[in-house]
Amino acid sequence: MGDFNYRDINWSTLTADSTGQDFLKLTLDCYLEQHVQQPTRLNNILDLVLTNELQLKDNVKIVSPLDNCDHNVLMWEIECTPSTVLNNKSYLCFNQADYNGMCNFVRNRLSSFDYNEM
């Protein structure tokens, strides 16, 4: 959400002048959806709500400005569902290793090794 000041972008037809063309192309390349459909300052849509995955529960509501601000206030709700990400990565617990057993294993292997073959 933000005040982007690209007043010449037409969000209905997805066209823009040379100033807003790069921003519009970036928005489309990132598969972002613009949710503000009515002017937020005079006859321009300057305040944008861009999403890619978030689901808005209702359309964006535009209400009158606060105090002496010249921008309207935007209000919306999003649907948030908490999810747990499972981490299947294995971690070694070196502090629980059997170091004496490993030393004995290596010592036994090396004692039966014939160094003359090297």
N, C-alpha and C. Protein backbone atom coordinates (compact mmCIF):
# COMPACT_ATOMS: atom_id res chain seq x y z
N MET A 1 0.86 -1.16 0.00
CA MET A 1 0.00 0.00 0.00
C MET A 1 0.90 1.21 0.00
N GLY A 2 0.54 2.22 -0.76
CA GLY A 2 1.33 3.43 -0.76
C GLY A 2 0.83 4.46 -1.73
N ASP A 3 1.42 5.63 -1.62
CA ASP A 3 1.13 6.77 -2.49
C ASP A 3 2.19 6.78 -3.58
N PHE A 4 1.84 6.36 -4.79
CA PHE A 4 2.82 6.16 -5.84
C PHE A 4 2.95 7.32 -6.82
N ASN A 5 1.97 8.22 -6.85
CA ASN A 5 2.01 9.40 -7.71
C ASN A 5 2.20 9.10 -9.21
N TYR A 6 1.59 8.05 -9.68
CA TYR A 6 1.52 7.77 -11.12
C TYR A 6 0.08 8.03 -11.55
N ARG A 7 -0.27 9.31 -11.63
CA ARG A 7 -1.66 9.68 -11.89
C ARG A 7 -2.12 9.35 -13.30
N ASP A 8 -1.19 9.12 -14.23
CA ASP A 8 -1.60 8.85 -15.61
C ASP A 8 -1.75 7.37 -15.93
N ILE A 9 -1.65 6.52 -14.92
CA ILE A 9 -1.92 5.09 -15.15
C ILE A 9 -3.42 4.87 -15.08
N ASN A 10 -3.95 4.25 -16.10
CA ASN A 10 -5.36 3.87 -16.11
C ASN A 10 -5.41 2.40 -15.70
N TRP A 11 -5.85 2.14 -14.47
CA TRP A 11 -5.84 0.78 -13.94
C TRP A 11 -6.95 -0.08 -14.53
N SER A 12 -7.93 0.52 -15.17
CA SER A 12 -8.99 -0.26 -15.81
C SER A 12 -8.52 -0.84 -17.13
N THR A 13 -7.81 -0.03 -17.91
CA THR A 13 -7.34 -0.48 -19.22
C THR A 13 -5.88 -0.92 -19.20
N LEU A 14 -5.19 -0.73 -18.05
CA LEU A 14 -3.77 -1.06 -17.90
C LEU A 14 -2.91 -0.37 -18.95
N THR A 15 -3.12 0.95 -19.07
CA THR A 15 -2.31 1.78 -19.95
C THR A 15 -1.72 2.91 -19.15
N ALA A 16 -0.62 3.47 -19.65
CA ALA A 16 0.04 4.56 -18.94
C ALA A 16 0.82 5.42 -19.92
N ASP A 17 1.14 6.63 -19.47
CA ASP A 17 2.01 7.48 -20.26
C ASP A 17 3.46 7.02 -20.05
N SER A 18 4.42 7.75 -20.61
CA SER A 18 5.81 7.33 -20.51
C SER A 18 6.32 7.34 -19.07
N THR A 19 5.76 8.20 -18.21
CA THR A 19 6.21 8.28 -16.82
C THR A 19 5.82 7.03 -16.04
N GLY A 20 4.62 6.55 -16.23
CA GLY A 20 4.14 5.41 -15.46
C GLY A 20 4.29 4.07 -16.15
N GLN A 21 4.77 4.05 -17.37
CA GLN A 21 4.86 2.81 -18.14
C GLN A 21 5.75 1.76 -17.46
N ASP A 22 6.92 2.18 -16.96
CA ASP A 22 7.82 1.23 -16.31
C ASP A 22 7.20 0.65 -15.03
N PHE A 23 6.55 1.52 -14.25
CA PHE A 23 5.91 1.05 -13.02
C PHE A 23 4.78 0.07 -13.34
N LEU A 24 3.98 0.39 -14.34
CA LEU A 24 2.89 -0.50 -14.73
C LEU A 24 3.43 -1.84 -15.22
N LYS A 25 4.50 -1.81 -16.02
CA LYS A 25 5.10 -3.05 -16.52
C LYS A 25 5.64 -3.88 -15.36
N LEU A 26 6.30 -3.25 -14.39
CA LEU A 26 6.82 -3.96 -13.23
C LEU A 26 5.69 -4.60 -12.43
N THR A 27 4.60 -3.86 -12.26
CA THR A 27 3.44 -4.38 -11.53
C THR A 27 2.88 -5.62 -12.23
N LEU A 28 2.75 -5.56 -13.53
CA LEU A 28 2.21 -6.69 -14.29
C LEU A 28 3.20 -7.86 -14.31
N ASP A 29 4.50 -7.57 -14.44
CA ASP A 29 5.52 -8.63 -14.45
C ASP A 29 5.55 -9.39 -13.14
N CYS A 30 5.23 -8.71 -12.04
CA CYS A 30 5.23 -9.35 -10.71
C CYS A 30 3.87 -9.95 -10.37
N TYR A 31 2.96 -9.96 -11.32
CA TYR A 31 1.61 -10.50 -11.14
C TYR A 31 0.89 -9.86 -9.95
N LEU A 32 1.04 -8.56 -9.82
CA LEU A 32 0.36 -7.84 -8.75
C LEU A 32 -0.99 -7.35 -9.23
N GLU A 33 -1.94 -7.38 -8.34
CA GLU A 33 -3.29 -6.91 -8.65
C GLU A 33 -3.54 -5.62 -7.88
N GLN A 34 -4.08 -4.62 -8.56
CA GLN A 34 -4.38 -3.32 -7.97
C GLN A 34 -5.84 -3.32 -7.54
N HIS A 35 -6.10 -3.00 -6.26
CA HIS A 35 -7.46 -3.13 -5.73
C HIS A 35 -8.22 -1.82 -5.60
N VAL A 36 -7.56 -0.68 -5.74
CA VAL A 36 -8.25 0.61 -5.61
C VAL A 36 -8.86 0.94 -6.98
N GLN A 37 -10.16 1.16 -7.01
CA GLN A 37 -10.85 1.40 -8.27
C GLN A 37 -11.42 2.81 -8.40
N GLN A 38 -11.35 3.60 -7.34
CA GLN A 38 -11.90 4.95 -7.36
C GLN A 38 -10.80 5.96 -7.02
N PRO A 39 -10.95 7.20 -7.46
CA PRO A 39 -9.94 8.21 -7.17
C PRO A 39 -9.71 8.40 -5.66
N THR A 40 -8.44 8.61 -5.30
CA THR A 40 -8.09 8.83 -3.90
C THR A 40 -7.61 10.25 -3.64
N ARG A 41 -7.31 10.97 -4.70
CA ARG A 41 -6.93 12.39 -4.58
C ARG A 41 -7.43 13.10 -5.82
N LEU A 42 -8.36 13.99 -5.64
CA LEU A 42 -9.03 14.67 -6.77
C LEU A 42 -9.57 13.60 -7.72
N ASN A 43 -9.19 13.62 -9.01
CA ASN A 43 -9.69 12.63 -9.97
C ASN A 43 -8.67 11.54 -10.25
N ASN A 44 -7.65 11.40 -9.41
CA ASN A 44 -6.56 10.47 -9.66
C ASN A 44 -6.53 9.34 -8.64
N ILE A 45 -6.13 8.17 -9.11
CA ILE A 45 -5.89 7.04 -8.21
C ILE A 45 -4.40 7.04 -7.91
N LEU A 46 -4.03 7.65 -6.79
CA LEU A 46 -2.62 7.72 -6.41
C LEU A 46 -2.27 6.72 -5.31
N ASP A 47 -3.21 6.42 -4.45
CA ASP A 47 -2.97 5.47 -3.37
C ASP A 47 -3.37 4.09 -3.86
N LEU A 48 -2.40 3.18 -3.85
CA LEU A 48 -2.62 1.86 -4.42
C LEU A 48 -2.54 0.78 -3.35
N VAL A 49 -3.30 -0.28 -3.55
CA VAL A 49 -3.19 -1.49 -2.74
C VAL A 49 -2.89 -2.60 -3.73
N LEU A 50 -1.64 -3.06 -3.74
CA LEU A 50 -1.18 -4.09 -4.67
C LEU A 50 -0.98 -5.39 -3.91
N THR A 51 -1.52 -6.48 -4.42
CA THR A 51 -1.34 -7.79 -3.79
C THR A 51 -1.01 -8.82 -4.84
N ASN A 52 -0.40 -9.91 -4.39
CA ASN A 52 -0.18 -11.04 -5.30
C ASN A 52 -0.88 -12.29 -4.79
N GLU A 53 -0.94 -12.50 -3.48
CA GLU A 53 -1.56 -13.70 -2.96
C GLU A 53 -2.61 -13.42 -1.89
N LEU A 54 -2.51 -12.29 -1.23
CA LEU A 54 -3.44 -12.02 -0.14
C LEU A 54 -4.86 -11.87 -0.67
N GLN A 55 -5.77 -12.45 0.03
CA GLN A 55 -7.17 -12.35 -0.37
C GLN A 55 -7.85 -11.25 0.44
N LEU A 56 -8.35 -10.25 -0.25
CA LEU A 56 -9.10 -9.19 0.43
C LEU A 56 -10.51 -9.70 0.70
N LYS A 57 -10.96 -9.50 1.92
CA LYS A 57 -12.31 -9.95 2.27
C LYS A 57 -13.35 -9.09 1.57
N ASP A 58 -13.14 -7.80 1.54
CA ASP A 58 -14.06 -6.86 0.90
C ASP A 58 -13.26 -5.99 -0.05
N ASN A 59 -13.96 -5.25 -0.87
CA ASN A 59 -13.29 -4.28 -1.71
C ASN A 59 -12.71 -3.18 -0.83
N VAL A 60 -11.77 -2.46 -1.38
CA VAL A 60 -11.18 -1.34 -0.66
C VAL A 60 -12.23 -0.24 -0.52
N LYS A 61 -12.40 0.22 0.70
CA LYS A 61 -13.35 1.32 0.96
C LYS A 61 -12.57 2.62 1.01
N ILE A 62 -13.12 3.63 0.36
CA ILE A 62 -12.49 4.95 0.34
C ILE A 62 -13.37 5.89 1.13
N VAL A 63 -12.80 6.48 2.17
CA VAL A 63 -13.54 7.41 3.02
C VAL A 63 -12.85 8.77 2.98
N SER A 64 -13.53 9.77 3.49
CA SER A 64 -13.03 11.13 3.40
C SER A 64 -11.72 11.31 4.16
N PRO A 65 -10.94 12.31 3.77
CA PRO A 65 -9.63 12.54 4.38
C PRO A 65 -9.72 12.91 5.86
N LEU A 66 -8.64 12.67 6.57
CA LEU A 66 -8.52 13.08 7.96
C LEU A 66 -7.93 14.48 8.03
N ASP A 67 -8.45 15.27 8.93
CA ASP A 67 -7.93 16.60 9.22
C ASP A 67 -7.74 17.41 7.94
N ASN A 68 -6.54 17.90 7.67
CA ASN A 68 -6.32 18.74 6.50
C ASN A 68 -5.57 18.01 5.39
N CYS A 69 -5.56 16.68 5.41
CA CYS A 69 -4.89 15.88 4.39
C CYS A 69 -5.69 15.97 3.08
N ASP A 70 -4.99 15.94 1.94
CA ASP A 70 -5.69 16.02 0.66
C ASP A 70 -5.90 14.64 0.02
N HIS A 71 -5.53 13.56 0.71
CA HIS A 71 -5.76 12.20 0.22
C HIS A 71 -6.90 11.57 1.01
N ASN A 72 -7.70 10.78 0.34
CA ASN A 72 -8.74 10.02 1.02
C ASN A 72 -8.09 8.88 1.83
N VAL A 73 -8.83 8.35 2.77
CA VAL A 73 -8.37 7.23 3.59
C VAL A 73 -8.85 5.93 2.96
N LEU A 74 -7.98 4.94 2.91
CA LEU A 74 -8.33 3.62 2.37
C LEU A 74 -8.49 2.64 3.52
N MET A 75 -9.52 1.80 3.43
CA MET A 75 -9.75 0.78 4.45
C MET A 75 -10.07 -0.54 3.76
N TRP A 76 -9.47 -1.63 4.27
CA TRP A 76 -9.76 -2.95 3.75
C TRP A 76 -9.40 -3.99 4.79
N GLU A 77 -9.93 -5.17 4.60
CA GLU A 77 -9.62 -6.31 5.46
C GLU A 77 -9.02 -7.41 4.61
N ILE A 78 -8.08 -8.14 5.20
CA ILE A 78 -7.51 -9.28 4.50
C ILE A 78 -7.78 -10.54 5.30
N GLU A 79 -7.85 -11.63 4.61
CA GLU A 79 -8.07 -12.94 5.23
C GLU A 79 -6.71 -13.53 5.55
N CYS A 80 -6.44 -13.72 6.84
CA CYS A 80 -5.16 -14.29 7.27
C CYS A 80 -5.41 -15.61 7.96
N THR A 81 -4.77 -16.63 7.46
CA THR A 81 -4.86 -17.94 8.08
C THR A 81 -3.45 -18.36 8.48
N PRO A 82 -3.22 -18.54 9.78
CA PRO A 82 -1.88 -18.96 10.19
C PRO A 82 -1.60 -20.37 9.70
N SER A 83 -0.37 -20.61 9.33
CA SER A 83 0.01 -21.94 8.88
C SER A 83 1.36 -22.31 9.49
N THR A 84 1.56 -23.58 9.65
CA THR A 84 2.80 -24.09 10.19
C THR A 84 3.62 -24.65 9.05
N VAL A 85 4.87 -24.24 8.99
CA VAL A 85 5.78 -24.74 7.97
C VAL A 85 6.59 -25.87 8.60
N LEU A 86 6.48 -27.05 8.01
CA LEU A 86 7.21 -28.19 8.54
C LEU A 86 8.64 -28.15 8.02
N ASN A 87 9.57 -28.35 8.93
CA ASN A 87 10.97 -28.39 8.56
C ASN A 87 11.45 -29.83 8.67
N ASN A 88 11.66 -30.47 7.53
CA ASN A 88 12.05 -31.88 7.51
C ASN A 88 13.56 -32.06 7.48
N LYS A 89 14.31 -31.00 7.71
CA LYS A 89 15.75 -31.06 7.65
C LYS A 89 16.28 -31.76 8.90
N SER A 90 17.25 -32.64 8.72
CA SER A 90 17.86 -33.36 9.83
C SER A 90 19.02 -32.54 10.40
N TYR A 91 19.12 -32.54 11.70
CA TYR A 91 20.22 -31.87 12.38
C TYR A 91 20.98 -32.89 13.21
N LEU A 92 22.29 -32.87 13.12
CA LEU A 92 23.11 -33.78 13.90
C LEU A 92 23.33 -33.20 15.29
N CYS A 93 23.22 -34.04 16.29
CA CYS A 93 23.43 -33.63 17.68
C CYS A 93 24.83 -34.07 18.08
N PHE A 94 25.83 -33.25 17.80
CA PHE A 94 27.20 -33.61 18.10
C PHE A 94 27.45 -33.74 19.60
N ASN A 95 26.68 -33.03 20.39
CA ASN A 95 26.88 -33.12 21.84
C ASN A 95 26.38 -34.45 22.40
N GLN A 96 25.73 -35.27 21.58
CA GLN A 96 25.23 -36.57 22.04
C GLN A 96 26.00 -37.72 21.39
N ALA A 97 27.12 -37.42 20.74
CA ALA A 97 27.89 -38.45 20.04
C ALA A 97 28.66 -39.32 21.04
N ASP A 98 28.92 -40.56 20.65
CA ASP A 98 29.70 -41.50 21.46
C ASP A 98 31.15 -41.41 20.99
N TYR A 99 31.89 -40.42 21.53
CA TYR A 99 33.25 -40.20 21.09
C TYR A 99 34.17 -41.36 21.47
N ASN A 100 34.00 -41.93 22.64
CA ASN A 100 34.84 -43.08 23.04
C ASN A 100 34.61 -44.26 22.11
N GLY A 101 33.36 -44.50 21.76
CA GLY A 101 33.05 -45.60 20.84
C GLY A 101 33.66 -45.34 19.47
N MET A 102 33.60 -44.08 18.99
CA MET A 102 34.20 -43.76 17.68
C MET A 102 35.71 -43.94 17.72
N CYS A 103 36.35 -43.51 18.81
CA CYS A 103 37.81 -43.66 18.92
C CYS A 103 38.20 -45.14 18.93
N ASN A 104 37.48 -45.95 19.67
CA ASN A 104 37.75 -47.39 19.70
C ASN A 104 37.55 -48.01 18.32
N PHE A 105 36.49 -47.60 17.58
CA PHE A 105 36.23 -48.12 16.23
C PHE A 105 37.39 -47.80 15.31
N VAL A 106 37.86 -46.55 15.31
CA VAL A 106 38.97 -46.14 14.43
C VAL A 106 40.25 -46.86 14.85
N ARG A 107 40.52 -46.96 16.16
CA ARG A 107 41.73 -47.62 16.65
C ARG A 107 41.74 -49.08 16.21
N ASN A 108 40.61 -49.77 16.31
CA ASN A 108 40.53 -51.18 15.90
C ASN A 108 40.74 -51.32 14.40
N ARG A 109 40.20 -50.43 13.61
CA ARG A 109 40.37 -50.49 12.15
C ARG A 109 41.83 -50.25 11.77
N LEU A 110 42.45 -49.26 12.42
CA LEU A 110 43.83 -48.93 12.09
C LEU A 110 44.81 -50.00 12.58
N SER A 111 44.46 -50.69 13.64
CA SER A 111 45.38 -51.72 14.16
C SER A 111 45.46 -52.91 13.22
N SER A 112 44.42 -53.20 12.46
CA SER A 112 44.44 -54.33 11.54
C SER A 112 44.84 -53.90 10.13
N PHE A 113 45.21 -52.65 9.95
CA PHE A 113 45.56 -52.14 8.62
C PHE A 113 47.03 -52.40 8.37
N ASP A 114 47.35 -52.88 7.15
CA ASP A 114 48.74 -53.18 6.77
C ASP A 114 49.33 -51.97 6.07
N TYR A 115 50.19 -51.23 6.77
CA TYR A 115 50.78 -50.02 6.21
C TYR A 115 51.80 -50.32 5.13
N ASN A 116 52.33 -51.53 5.05
CA ASN A 116 53.29 -51.89 4.03
C ASN A 116 52.68 -51.90 2.64
N GLU A 117 51.34 -52.08 2.56
CA GLU A 117 50.67 -52.08 1.26
C GLU A 117 50.56 -50.69 0.67
N MET A 118 50.77 -49.69 1.50
CA MET A 118 50.69 -48.30 1.01
C MET A 118 51.92 -48.03 0.24
